[in-house]
Amino acid sequence: MGSAAVPVVLIFLIVVFSGVTIYSANRDLARAKAWGVLARRFLPFVVLAVMAISLYFVRSFAQGWVVFAWMAVFGVLIIASSLLSVPALERRANGVFRRGDYPQAAELYGKLVEERPLARNHAFHGAALGASERYDESVNASTKAIDADPEYGLAYYNRALVLRRMGKKSRAVKDLNQALEADMPRRFRSAAKKILQELK
């Protein structure tokens, strides 16, 4: 393999890695058969894939303006696809939650649940309700998420955190164990193990 092929191989690996990462973060959408929502999440991946393929042709142009135009077009496309991959209401709710305005986040996630009653939306709603100290509502929202997708580990994790705050230790331990058996991101898996050790 010549040195000219190295950038192409690296970009191919980045594209493959980004596709795997996007899918692993959205397996719940595949289980829910929410194909339109899942396809939307893949928009940045599609743009990266087209960019990688077009790089092979752009490399043959020595003129700087062609390369600059290619970079500008794909820069805009990557930003646009990232914005379009997540619905505006979800992006707004996520931002409000990160800022710590949990009552407002709970309201926005509630609207999101009305639009799309997916397990993830119920779980996010439950997390915002729990952070707002509306514990019973939070448990109900997390339970709806679990009913919608018993493999969605984040719903068990969120419910366990609220149950722990409510003093229901044995139920929290049960949920944390179920979360560890379900589909859950690595950072939450580590946090669940740590909380389990504290509760034992």
N, C-alpha and C. Protein backbone atom coordinates (compact mmCIF):
# COMPACT_ATOMS: atom_id res chain seq x y z
N MET A 1 0.85 -1.19 0.00
CA MET A 1 0.00 0.00 0.00
C MET A 1 0.89 1.24 0.00
N GLY A 2 0.68 2.12 -0.98
CA GLY A 2 1.47 3.33 -1.08
C GLY A 2 1.04 4.37 -0.08
N SER A 3 1.88 5.40 0.07
CA SER A 3 1.57 6.46 1.02
C SER A 3 0.34 7.26 0.61
N ALA A 4 0.02 7.26 -0.68
CA ALA A 4 -1.16 7.99 -1.16
C ALA A 4 -2.45 7.33 -0.69
N ALA A 5 -2.39 6.03 -0.43
CA ALA A 5 -3.61 5.31 -0.01
C ALA A 5 -3.87 5.45 1.49
N VAL A 6 -2.87 5.89 2.25
CA VAL A 6 -3.03 5.97 3.71
C VAL A 6 -4.19 6.89 4.13
N PRO A 7 -4.28 8.12 3.57
CA PRO A 7 -5.41 8.98 3.96
C PRO A 7 -6.77 8.35 3.64
N VAL A 8 -6.87 7.67 2.50
CA VAL A 8 -8.13 7.04 2.10
C VAL A 8 -8.51 5.94 3.09
N VAL A 9 -7.53 5.13 3.48
CA VAL A 9 -7.78 4.04 4.43
C VAL A 9 -8.19 4.63 5.79
N LEU A 10 -7.50 5.69 6.22
CA LEU A 10 -7.84 6.31 7.50
C LEU A 10 -9.26 6.88 7.49
N ILE A 11 -9.62 7.54 6.42
CA ILE A 11 -10.97 8.08 6.32
C ILE A 11 -12.00 6.96 6.29
N PHE A 12 -11.70 5.88 5.57
CA PHE A 12 -12.60 4.73 5.55
C PHE A 12 -12.81 4.18 6.97
N LEU A 13 -11.73 4.07 7.74
CA LEU A 13 -11.83 3.57 9.12
C LEU A 13 -12.64 4.51 10.00
N ILE A 14 -12.46 5.83 9.80
CA ILE A 14 -13.24 6.81 10.56
C ILE A 14 -14.72 6.68 10.24
N VAL A 15 -15.03 6.51 8.95
CA VAL A 15 -16.43 6.36 8.53
C VAL A 15 -17.05 5.11 9.14
N VAL A 16 -16.33 3.99 9.08
CA VAL A 16 -16.83 2.73 9.65
C VAL A 16 -17.02 2.88 11.16
N PHE A 17 -16.04 3.48 11.84
CA PHE A 17 -16.13 3.67 13.28
C PHE A 17 -17.32 4.55 13.64
N SER A 18 -17.54 5.63 12.88
CA SER A 18 -18.66 6.53 13.18
C SER A 18 -19.99 5.82 12.96
N GLY A 19 -20.08 4.98 11.93
CA GLY A 19 -21.31 4.23 11.69
C GLY A 19 -21.61 3.25 12.81
N VAL A 20 -20.60 2.54 13.27
CA VAL A 20 -20.77 1.59 14.38
C VAL A 20 -21.16 2.33 15.65
N THR A 21 -20.52 3.47 15.90
CA THR A 21 -20.81 4.26 17.10
C THR A 21 -22.24 4.77 17.08
N ILE A 22 -22.69 5.28 15.95
CA ILE A 22 -24.06 5.79 15.84
C ILE A 22 -25.06 4.66 16.06
N TYR A 23 -24.81 3.51 15.45
CA TYR A 23 -25.74 2.39 15.63
C TYR A 23 -25.78 1.91 17.07
N SER A 24 -24.60 1.80 17.70
CA SER A 24 -24.58 1.28 19.08
C SER A 24 -25.27 2.24 20.04
N ALA A 25 -25.25 3.54 19.75
CA ALA A 25 -25.94 4.51 20.61
C ALA A 25 -27.44 4.57 20.34
N ASN A 26 -27.89 3.90 19.28
CA ASN A 26 -29.30 4.00 18.90
C ASN A 26 -29.95 2.64 18.65
N ARG A 27 -29.44 1.59 19.29
CA ARG A 27 -30.01 0.25 19.11
C ARG A 27 -31.48 0.20 19.55
N ASP A 28 -31.82 1.04 20.53
CA ASP A 28 -33.22 1.06 21.00
C ASP A 28 -34.17 1.48 19.88
N LEU A 29 -33.71 2.35 18.99
CA LEU A 29 -34.56 2.77 17.87
C LEU A 29 -34.78 1.61 16.90
N ALA A 30 -33.75 0.78 16.72
CA ALA A 30 -33.90 -0.41 15.86
C ALA A 30 -34.88 -1.39 16.50
N ARG A 31 -34.76 -1.59 17.83
CA ARG A 31 -35.70 -2.50 18.51
C ARG A 31 -37.13 -2.00 18.41
N ALA A 32 -37.30 -0.67 18.43
CA ALA A 32 -38.64 -0.07 18.34
C ALA A 32 -39.13 0.02 16.89
N LYS A 33 -38.25 -0.37 15.95
CA LYS A 33 -38.56 -0.27 14.52
C LYS A 33 -38.90 1.17 14.11
N ALA A 34 -38.24 2.11 14.78
CA ALA A 34 -38.40 3.54 14.45
C ALA A 34 -37.38 3.88 13.37
N TRP A 35 -37.61 3.30 12.19
CA TRP A 35 -36.62 3.39 11.12
C TRP A 35 -36.38 4.82 10.65
N GLY A 36 -37.43 5.63 10.59
CA GLY A 36 -37.25 7.03 10.17
C GLY A 36 -36.37 7.81 11.13
N VAL A 37 -36.61 7.62 12.43
CA VAL A 37 -35.81 8.30 13.46
C VAL A 37 -34.36 7.80 13.41
N LEU A 38 -34.20 6.49 13.24
CA LEU A 38 -32.86 5.91 13.16
C LEU A 38 -32.12 6.42 11.93
N ALA A 39 -32.81 6.47 10.79
CA ALA A 39 -32.19 6.97 9.56
C ALA A 39 -31.73 8.42 9.75
N ARG A 40 -32.53 9.19 10.45
CA ARG A 40 -32.17 10.59 10.70
C ARG A 40 -30.88 10.69 11.52
N ARG A 41 -30.70 9.78 12.47
CA ARG A 41 -29.48 9.77 13.30
C ARG A 41 -28.25 9.47 12.45
N PHE A 42 -28.46 8.79 11.31
CA PHE A 42 -27.34 8.40 10.45
C PHE A 42 -26.96 9.47 9.44
N LEU A 43 -27.64 10.62 9.43
CA LEU A 43 -27.32 11.66 8.44
C LEU A 43 -25.85 12.08 8.47
N PRO A 44 -25.26 12.34 9.65
CA PRO A 44 -23.83 12.71 9.64
C PRO A 44 -22.94 11.60 9.08
N PHE A 45 -23.30 10.35 9.35
CA PHE A 45 -22.55 9.21 8.81
C PHE A 45 -22.61 9.20 7.29
N VAL A 46 -23.80 9.44 6.73
CA VAL A 46 -23.96 9.45 5.27
C VAL A 46 -23.10 10.54 4.65
N VAL A 47 -23.11 11.73 5.28
CA VAL A 47 -22.29 12.84 4.76
C VAL A 47 -20.81 12.48 4.81
N LEU A 48 -20.37 11.87 5.93
CA LEU A 48 -18.97 11.44 6.04
C LEU A 48 -18.61 10.40 4.98
N ALA A 49 -19.53 9.48 4.73
CA ALA A 49 -19.29 8.44 3.73
C ALA A 49 -19.15 9.06 2.34
N VAL A 50 -20.04 9.98 1.99
CA VAL A 50 -19.96 10.65 0.68
C VAL A 50 -18.66 11.47 0.60
N MET A 51 -18.32 12.10 1.71
CA MET A 51 -17.08 12.88 1.75
C MET A 51 -15.87 11.98 1.51
N ALA A 52 -15.86 10.81 2.13
CA ALA A 52 -14.75 9.87 1.96
C ALA A 52 -14.65 9.39 0.52
N ILE A 53 -15.79 9.10 -0.08
CA ILE A 53 -15.79 8.63 -1.47
C ILE A 53 -15.33 9.74 -2.41
N SER A 54 -15.82 10.96 -2.18
CA SER A 54 -15.46 12.08 -3.06
C SER A 54 -14.00 12.50 -2.91
N LEU A 55 -13.40 12.19 -1.76
CA LEU A 55 -11.99 12.54 -1.55
C LEU A 55 -11.09 11.90 -2.62
N TYR A 56 -11.44 10.71 -3.02
CA TYR A 56 -10.66 10.00 -4.04
C TYR A 56 -10.60 10.81 -5.33
N PHE A 57 -11.73 11.46 -5.69
CA PHE A 57 -11.78 12.24 -6.94
C PHE A 57 -11.16 13.63 -6.76
N VAL A 58 -11.37 14.22 -5.58
CA VAL A 58 -10.87 15.58 -5.33
C VAL A 58 -9.34 15.59 -5.29
N ARG A 59 -8.74 14.50 -4.84
CA ARG A 59 -7.28 14.43 -4.73
C ARG A 59 -6.59 14.63 -6.07
N SER A 60 -7.27 14.31 -7.15
CA SER A 60 -6.64 14.42 -8.47
C SER A 60 -6.56 15.88 -8.95
N PHE A 61 -7.30 16.78 -8.28
CA PHE A 61 -7.25 18.20 -8.66
C PHE A 61 -6.13 18.89 -7.88
N ALA A 62 -5.22 19.50 -8.60
CA ALA A 62 -4.10 20.18 -7.93
C ALA A 62 -4.47 21.60 -7.53
N GLN A 63 -5.51 22.16 -8.18
CA GLN A 63 -5.89 23.54 -7.88
C GLN A 63 -6.43 23.64 -6.46
N GLY A 64 -5.92 24.65 -5.77
CA GLY A 64 -6.34 24.86 -4.38
C GLY A 64 -7.80 25.20 -4.23
N TRP A 65 -8.39 25.90 -5.22
CA TRP A 65 -9.78 26.33 -5.07
C TRP A 65 -10.75 25.15 -5.07
N VAL A 66 -10.42 24.07 -5.80
CA VAL A 66 -11.30 22.90 -5.83
C VAL A 66 -11.32 22.23 -4.46
N VAL A 67 -10.14 22.08 -3.88
CA VAL A 67 -10.03 21.47 -2.55
C VAL A 67 -10.71 22.35 -1.51
N PHE A 68 -10.50 23.68 -1.63
CA PHE A 68 -11.13 24.61 -0.69
C PHE A 68 -12.65 24.55 -0.80
N ALA A 69 -13.17 24.52 -2.03
CA ALA A 69 -14.63 24.44 -2.24
C ALA A 69 -15.17 23.13 -1.68
N TRP A 70 -14.46 22.04 -1.91
CA TRP A 70 -14.87 20.72 -1.39
C TRP A 70 -14.95 20.75 0.13
N MET A 71 -13.91 21.34 0.76
CA MET A 71 -13.89 21.43 2.21
C MET A 71 -15.04 22.29 2.73
N ALA A 72 -15.31 23.40 2.06
CA ALA A 72 -16.38 24.31 2.49
C ALA A 72 -17.75 23.63 2.36
N VAL A 73 -17.99 22.96 1.24
CA VAL A 73 -19.28 22.28 1.02
C VAL A 73 -19.51 21.21 2.08
N PHE A 74 -18.50 20.39 2.30
CA PHE A 74 -18.68 19.31 3.27
C PHE A 74 -18.69 19.81 4.72
N GLY A 75 -18.02 20.92 4.97
CA GLY A 75 -18.12 21.53 6.31
C GLY A 75 -19.54 21.94 6.61
N VAL A 76 -20.18 22.59 5.63
CA VAL A 76 -21.59 23.01 5.79
C VAL A 76 -22.50 21.78 5.91
N LEU A 77 -22.26 20.78 5.07
CA LEU A 77 -23.09 19.57 5.10
C LEU A 77 -22.97 18.82 6.43
N ILE A 78 -21.77 18.76 7.00
CA ILE A 78 -21.58 18.06 8.27
C ILE A 78 -22.33 18.79 9.38
N ILE A 79 -22.23 20.12 9.40
CA ILE A 79 -22.95 20.90 10.43
C ILE A 79 -24.45 20.75 10.26
N ALA A 80 -24.94 20.86 9.02
CA ALA A 80 -26.37 20.74 8.76
C ALA A 80 -26.89 19.35 9.11
N SER A 81 -26.14 18.31 8.75
CA SER A 81 -26.60 16.95 9.03
C SER A 81 -26.60 16.67 10.53
N SER A 82 -25.65 17.26 11.25
CA SER A 82 -25.62 17.09 12.71
C SER A 82 -26.84 17.74 13.35
N LEU A 83 -27.20 18.91 12.85
CA LEU A 83 -28.39 19.60 13.39
C LEU A 83 -29.68 18.85 13.05
N LEU A 84 -29.75 18.33 11.83
CA LEU A 84 -30.96 17.65 11.38
C LEU A 84 -31.10 16.24 11.95
N SER A 85 -30.00 15.66 12.45
CA SER A 85 -30.05 14.28 12.93
C SER A 85 -30.83 14.14 14.24
N VAL A 86 -30.96 15.23 14.98
CA VAL A 86 -31.72 15.22 16.24
C VAL A 86 -32.84 16.24 16.11
N PRO A 87 -34.09 15.84 16.37
CA PRO A 87 -35.20 16.80 16.27
C PRO A 87 -34.98 18.02 17.16
N ALA A 88 -35.47 19.17 16.71
CA ALA A 88 -35.23 20.43 17.43
C ALA A 88 -35.74 20.37 18.87
N LEU A 89 -36.90 19.76 19.10
CA LEU A 89 -37.46 19.69 20.45
C LEU A 89 -36.55 18.86 21.36
N GLU A 90 -36.03 17.75 20.86
CA GLU A 90 -35.13 16.91 21.65
C GLU A 90 -33.83 17.64 21.95
N ARG A 91 -33.29 18.34 20.95
CA ARG A 91 -32.05 19.09 21.14
C ARG A 91 -32.26 20.18 22.19
N ARG A 92 -33.42 20.85 22.12
CA ARG A 92 -33.73 21.91 23.09
C ARG A 92 -33.87 21.33 24.50
N ALA A 93 -34.60 20.22 24.62
CA ALA A 93 -34.80 19.57 25.92
C ALA A 93 -33.46 19.13 26.51
N ASN A 94 -32.59 18.54 25.67
CA ASN A 94 -31.27 18.11 26.14
C ASN A 94 -30.46 19.29 26.66
N GLY A 95 -30.51 20.41 25.93
CA GLY A 95 -29.77 21.60 26.35
C GLY A 95 -30.28 22.15 27.68
N VAL A 96 -31.59 22.20 27.82
CA VAL A 96 -32.19 22.70 29.07
C VAL A 96 -31.82 21.78 30.23
N PHE A 97 -31.84 20.46 29.99
CA PHE A 97 -31.48 19.50 31.04
C PHE A 97 -30.02 19.69 31.46
N ARG A 98 -29.13 19.84 30.48
CA ARG A 98 -27.70 20.03 30.78
C ARG A 98 -27.46 21.32 31.56
N ARG A 99 -28.28 22.35 31.32
CA ARG A 99 -28.14 23.61 32.06
C ARG A 99 -28.70 23.51 33.48
N GLY A 100 -29.40 22.43 33.77
CA GLY A 100 -29.91 22.23 35.13
C GLY A 100 -31.30 22.76 35.38
N ASP A 101 -32.01 23.17 34.31
CA ASP A 101 -33.39 23.63 34.48
C ASP A 101 -34.30 22.41 34.31
N TYR A 102 -34.36 21.58 35.35
CA TYR A 102 -35.04 20.29 35.27
C TYR A 102 -36.55 20.40 35.09
N PRO A 103 -37.24 21.34 35.76
CA PRO A 103 -38.69 21.46 35.51
C PRO A 103 -39.01 21.78 34.04
N GLN A 104 -38.23 22.70 33.45
CA GLN A 104 -38.43 23.03 32.04
C GLN A 104 -38.10 21.84 31.15
N ALA A 105 -37.03 21.11 31.50
CA ALA A 105 -36.64 19.92 30.74
C ALA A 105 -37.75 18.87 30.82
N ALA A 106 -38.34 18.70 32.00
CA ALA A 106 -39.43 17.72 32.16
C ALA A 106 -40.61 18.09 31.27
N GLU A 107 -40.90 19.38 31.18
CA GLU A 107 -42.00 19.83 30.33
C GLU A 107 -41.71 19.54 28.85
N LEU A 108 -40.48 19.84 28.42
CA LEU A 108 -40.10 19.61 27.02
C LEU A 108 -40.05 18.13 26.69
N TYR A 109 -39.49 17.31 27.59
CA TYR A 109 -39.47 15.87 27.35
C TYR A 109 -40.89 15.30 27.35
N GLY A 110 -41.78 15.89 28.15
CA GLY A 110 -43.19 15.46 28.14
C GLY A 110 -43.81 15.68 26.76
N LYS A 111 -43.49 16.83 26.16
CA LYS A 111 -43.99 17.10 24.80
C LYS A 111 -43.38 16.12 23.80
N LEU A 112 -42.11 15.79 24.01
CA LEU A 112 -41.43 14.84 23.13
C LEU A 112 -42.07 13.46 23.21
N VAL A 113 -42.46 13.06 24.42
CA VAL A 113 -43.15 11.77 24.62
C VAL A 113 -44.48 11.77 23.88
N GLU A 114 -45.19 12.91 23.91
CA GLU A 114 -46.47 13.00 23.19
C GLU A 114 -46.26 12.84 21.69
N GLU A 115 -45.18 13.44 21.17
CA GLU A 115 -44.88 13.35 19.73
C GLU A 115 -44.43 11.95 19.34
N ARG A 116 -43.49 11.40 20.15
CA ARG A 116 -42.93 10.07 19.85
C ARG A 116 -42.78 9.31 21.16
N PRO A 117 -43.72 8.41 21.46
CA PRO A 117 -43.65 7.67 22.72
C PRO A 117 -42.64 6.51 22.69
N LEU A 118 -41.40 6.86 22.38
CA LEU A 118 -40.32 5.87 22.36
C LEU A 118 -39.78 5.67 23.78
N ALA A 119 -39.16 4.52 24.02
CA ALA A 119 -38.60 4.23 25.34
C ALA A 119 -37.62 5.31 25.78
N ARG A 120 -36.75 5.74 24.88
CA ARG A 120 -35.75 6.75 25.25
C ARG A 120 -36.39 8.04 25.69
N ASN A 121 -37.49 8.45 25.03
CA ASN A 121 -38.16 9.70 25.40
C ASN A 121 -38.82 9.59 26.77
N HIS A 122 -39.44 8.43 27.05
CA HIS A 122 -40.00 8.20 28.38
C HIS A 122 -38.89 8.23 29.44
N ALA A 123 -37.75 7.61 29.11
CA ALA A 123 -36.64 7.56 30.07
C ALA A 123 -36.08 8.95 30.34
N PHE A 124 -35.91 9.76 29.29
CA PHE A 124 -35.41 11.13 29.47
C PHE A 124 -36.41 11.94 30.29
N HIS A 125 -37.69 11.73 30.00
CA HIS A 125 -38.74 12.42 30.77
C HIS A 125 -38.64 12.02 32.24
N GLY A 126 -38.46 10.73 32.48
CA GLY A 126 -38.33 10.23 33.85
C GLY A 126 -37.12 10.82 34.55
N ALA A 127 -36.01 10.95 33.84
CA ALA A 127 -34.79 11.52 34.44
C ALA A 127 -35.01 12.97 34.84
N ALA A 128 -35.67 13.74 33.95
CA ALA A 128 -35.93 15.15 34.25
C ALA A 128 -36.92 15.29 35.41
N LEU A 129 -37.93 14.43 35.45
CA LEU A 129 -38.89 14.46 36.57
C LEU A 129 -38.19 14.10 37.88
N GLY A 130 -37.32 13.10 37.84
CA GLY A 130 -36.58 12.71 39.04
C GLY A 130 -35.68 13.82 39.54
N ALA A 131 -34.99 14.50 38.60
CA ALA A 131 -34.12 15.61 38.98
C ALA A 131 -34.93 16.78 39.52
N SER A 132 -36.23 16.85 39.15
CA SER A 132 -37.13 17.89 39.67
C SER A 132 -37.79 17.47 40.98
N GLU A 133 -37.38 16.30 41.50
CA GLU A 133 -37.91 15.74 42.74
C GLU A 133 -39.40 15.40 42.65
N ARG A 134 -39.85 15.07 41.46
CA ARG A 134 -41.21 14.57 41.24
C ARG A 134 -41.09 13.05 41.09
N TYR A 135 -40.79 12.41 42.23
CA TYR A 135 -40.34 11.03 42.22
C TYR A 135 -41.37 10.03 41.70
N ASP A 136 -42.62 10.14 42.15
CA ASP A 136 -43.62 9.17 41.70
C ASP A 136 -43.83 9.26 40.19
N GLU A 137 -43.90 10.49 39.67
CA GLU A 137 -44.05 10.68 38.22
C GLU A 137 -42.83 10.14 37.47
N SER A 138 -41.65 10.33 38.08
CA SER A 138 -40.43 9.84 37.47
C SER A 138 -40.43 8.32 37.36
N VAL A 139 -40.82 7.66 38.44
CA VAL A 139 -40.89 6.19 38.44
C VAL A 139 -41.88 5.72 37.38
N ASN A 140 -43.03 6.41 37.28
CA ASN A 140 -44.04 6.03 36.27
C ASN A 140 -43.49 6.20 34.85
N ALA A 141 -42.77 7.30 34.60
CA ALA A 141 -42.22 7.53 33.26
C ALA A 141 -41.16 6.47 32.92
N SER A 142 -40.30 6.15 33.89
CA SER A 142 -39.28 5.12 33.65
C SER A 142 -39.92 3.76 33.43
N THR A 143 -41.00 3.48 34.16
CA THR A 143 -41.72 2.21 33.98
C THR A 143 -42.32 2.13 32.58
N LYS A 144 -42.84 3.24 32.07
CA LYS A 144 -43.37 3.26 30.70
C LYS A 144 -42.25 2.98 29.70
N ALA A 145 -41.06 3.52 29.97
CA ALA A 145 -39.90 3.26 29.09
C ALA A 145 -39.57 1.77 29.10
N ILE A 146 -39.59 1.16 30.28
CA ILE A 146 -39.28 -0.27 30.40
C ILE A 146 -40.35 -1.11 29.72
N ASP A 147 -41.61 -0.71 29.87
CA ASP A 147 -42.70 -1.43 29.19
C ASP A 147 -42.55 -1.35 27.67
N ALA A 148 -42.10 -0.18 27.19
CA ALA A 148 -41.93 0.00 25.74
C ALA A 148 -40.74 -0.78 25.20
N ASP A 149 -39.67 -0.90 26.02
CA ASP A 149 -38.46 -1.61 25.59
C ASP A 149 -37.75 -2.17 26.82
N PRO A 150 -38.03 -3.43 27.17
CA PRO A 150 -37.40 -4.05 28.34
C PRO A 150 -35.88 -4.17 28.26
N GLU A 151 -35.31 -3.95 27.07
CA GLU A 151 -33.86 -4.01 26.91
C GLU A 151 -33.19 -2.65 27.06
N TYR A 152 -33.96 -1.60 27.32
CA TYR A 152 -33.40 -0.24 27.42
C TYR A 152 -32.90 -0.02 28.85
N GLY A 153 -31.62 -0.28 29.07
CA GLY A 153 -31.03 -0.26 30.40
C GLY A 153 -31.06 1.08 31.10
N LEU A 154 -31.03 2.17 30.34
CA LEU A 154 -31.03 3.50 30.95
C LEU A 154 -32.31 3.76 31.74
N ALA A 155 -33.42 3.15 31.31
CA ALA A 155 -34.68 3.33 32.04
C ALA A 155 -34.60 2.67 33.42
N TYR A 156 -34.01 1.48 33.49
CA TYR A 156 -33.82 0.82 34.79
C TYR A 156 -32.89 1.65 35.68
N TYR A 157 -31.83 2.16 35.06
CA TYR A 157 -30.84 2.95 35.80
C TYR A 157 -31.49 4.20 36.39
N ASN A 158 -32.24 4.94 35.55
CA ASN A 158 -32.90 6.17 36.02
C ASN A 158 -33.88 5.85 37.15
N ARG A 159 -34.65 4.78 36.96
CA ARG A 159 -35.63 4.43 37.99
C ARG A 159 -34.93 4.03 39.29
N ALA A 160 -33.80 3.34 39.17
CA ALA A 160 -33.04 2.94 40.36
C ALA A 160 -32.55 4.15 41.15
N LEU A 161 -32.09 5.19 40.43
CA LEU A 161 -31.61 6.39 41.11
C LEU A 161 -32.74 7.04 41.92
N VAL A 162 -33.92 7.09 41.33
CA VAL A 162 -35.06 7.70 42.02
C VAL A 162 -35.51 6.83 43.18
N LEU A 163 -35.56 5.53 42.97
CA LEU A 163 -35.95 4.62 44.05
C LEU A 163 -34.97 4.72 45.22
N ARG A 164 -33.70 4.90 44.92
CA ARG A 164 -32.70 5.07 45.99
C ARG A 164 -33.00 6.34 46.78
N ARG A 165 -33.34 7.42 46.08
CA ARG A 165 -33.68 8.67 46.77
C ARG A 165 -34.95 8.53 47.61
N MET A 166 -35.84 7.65 47.17
CA MET A 166 -37.09 7.42 47.90
C MET A 166 -36.89 6.45 49.08
N GLY A 167 -35.68 5.93 49.22
CA GLY A 167 -35.39 5.00 50.31
C GLY A 167 -35.79 3.57 50.02
N LYS A 168 -36.06 3.24 48.76
CA LYS A 168 -36.47 1.89 48.38
C LYS A 168 -35.25 1.14 47.84
N LYS A 169 -34.38 0.78 48.76
CA LYS A 169 -33.07 0.22 48.42
C LYS A 169 -33.17 -1.10 47.66
N SER A 170 -34.01 -2.03 48.11
CA SER A 170 -34.06 -3.35 47.47
C SER A 170 -34.57 -3.24 46.04
N ARG A 171 -35.56 -2.38 45.80
CA ARG A 171 -36.05 -2.18 44.43
C ARG A 171 -34.99 -1.50 43.56
N ALA A 172 -34.22 -0.59 44.16
CA ALA A 172 -33.15 0.09 43.42
C ALA A 172 -32.07 -0.92 43.01
N VAL A 173 -31.71 -1.82 43.93
CA VAL A 173 -30.71 -2.86 43.64
C VAL A 173 -31.20 -3.76 42.50
N LYS A 174 -32.47 -4.13 42.56
CA LYS A 174 -33.05 -4.99 41.51
C LYS A 174 -32.97 -4.29 40.15
N ASP A 175 -33.32 -3.00 40.12
CA ASP A 175 -33.28 -2.25 38.85
C ASP A 175 -31.85 -2.10 38.34
N LEU A 176 -30.91 -1.86 39.24
CA LEU A 176 -29.51 -1.72 38.82
C LEU A 176 -28.99 -3.02 38.21
N ASN A 177 -29.35 -4.15 38.82
CA ASN A 177 -28.96 -5.44 38.26
C ASN A 177 -29.58 -5.67 36.89
N GLN A 178 -30.85 -5.27 36.73
CA GLN A 178 -31.50 -5.42 35.42
C GLN A 178 -30.86 -4.49 34.39
N ALA A 179 -30.47 -3.28 34.84
CA ALA A 179 -29.81 -2.33 33.94
C ALA A 179 -28.51 -2.92 33.40
N LEU A 180 -27.77 -3.62 34.27
CA LEU A 180 -26.50 -4.21 33.86
C LEU A 180 -26.68 -5.37 32.89
N GLU A 181 -27.85 -6.00 32.91
CA GLU A 181 -28.13 -7.09 31.97
C GLU A 181 -28.70 -6.59 30.65
N ALA A 182 -29.11 -5.33 30.63
CA ALA A 182 -29.75 -4.76 29.44
C ALA A 182 -28.73 -3.96 28.61
N ASP A 183 -29.24 -3.31 27.57
CA ASP A 183 -28.43 -2.49 26.67
C ASP A 183 -28.26 -1.11 27.29
N MET A 184 -27.01 -0.79 27.68
CA MET A 184 -26.77 0.49 28.35
C MET A 184 -25.37 0.98 28.01
N PRO A 185 -25.20 2.31 27.82
CA PRO A 185 -23.86 2.85 27.52
C PRO A 185 -22.85 2.53 28.63
N ARG A 186 -21.60 2.44 28.24
CA ARG A 186 -20.52 2.03 29.16
C ARG A 186 -20.42 2.91 30.39
N ARG A 187 -20.55 4.24 30.22
CA ARG A 187 -20.37 5.13 31.38
C ARG A 187 -21.47 4.92 32.42
N PHE A 188 -22.70 4.61 31.96
CA PHE A 188 -23.79 4.33 32.91
C PHE A 188 -23.61 2.95 33.53
N ARG A 189 -23.04 2.03 32.77
CA ARG A 189 -22.77 0.68 33.30
C ARG A 189 -21.78 0.78 34.46
N SER A 190 -20.73 1.58 34.29
CA SER A 190 -19.75 1.77 35.36
C SER A 190 -20.39 2.43 36.58
N ALA A 191 -21.23 3.44 36.33
CA ALA A 191 -21.91 4.14 37.43
C ALA A 191 -22.85 3.19 38.17
N ALA A 192 -23.55 2.33 37.43
CA ALA A 192 -24.48 1.38 38.06
C ALA A 192 -23.72 0.41 38.96
N LYS A 193 -22.57 -0.06 38.51
CA LYS A 193 -21.76 -0.98 39.32
C LYS A 193 -21.29 -0.30 40.60
N LYS A 194 -20.90 0.96 40.48
CA LYS A 194 -20.43 1.71 41.64
C LYS A 194 -21.57 1.90 42.66
N ILE A 195 -22.74 2.25 42.18
CA ILE A 195 -23.89 2.45 43.09
C ILE A 195 -24.28 1.14 43.74
N LEU A 196 -24.23 0.05 42.99
CA LEU A 196 -24.55 -1.27 43.55
C LEU A 196 -23.61 -1.60 44.72
N GLN A 197 -22.34 -1.31 44.56
CA GLN A 197 -21.37 -1.57 45.63
C GLN A 197 -21.70 -0.73 46.87
N GLU A 198 -22.13 0.52 46.64
CA GLU A 198 -22.48 1.40 47.77
C GLU A 198 -23.73 0.90 48.50
N LEU A 199 -24.68 0.33 47.73
CA LEU A 199 -25.94 -0.11 48.34
C LEU A 199 -25.83 -1.45 49.07
N LYS A 200 -24.79 -2.22 48.76
CA LYS A 200 -24.65 -3.54 49.39
C LYS A 200 -23.97 -3.44 50.75
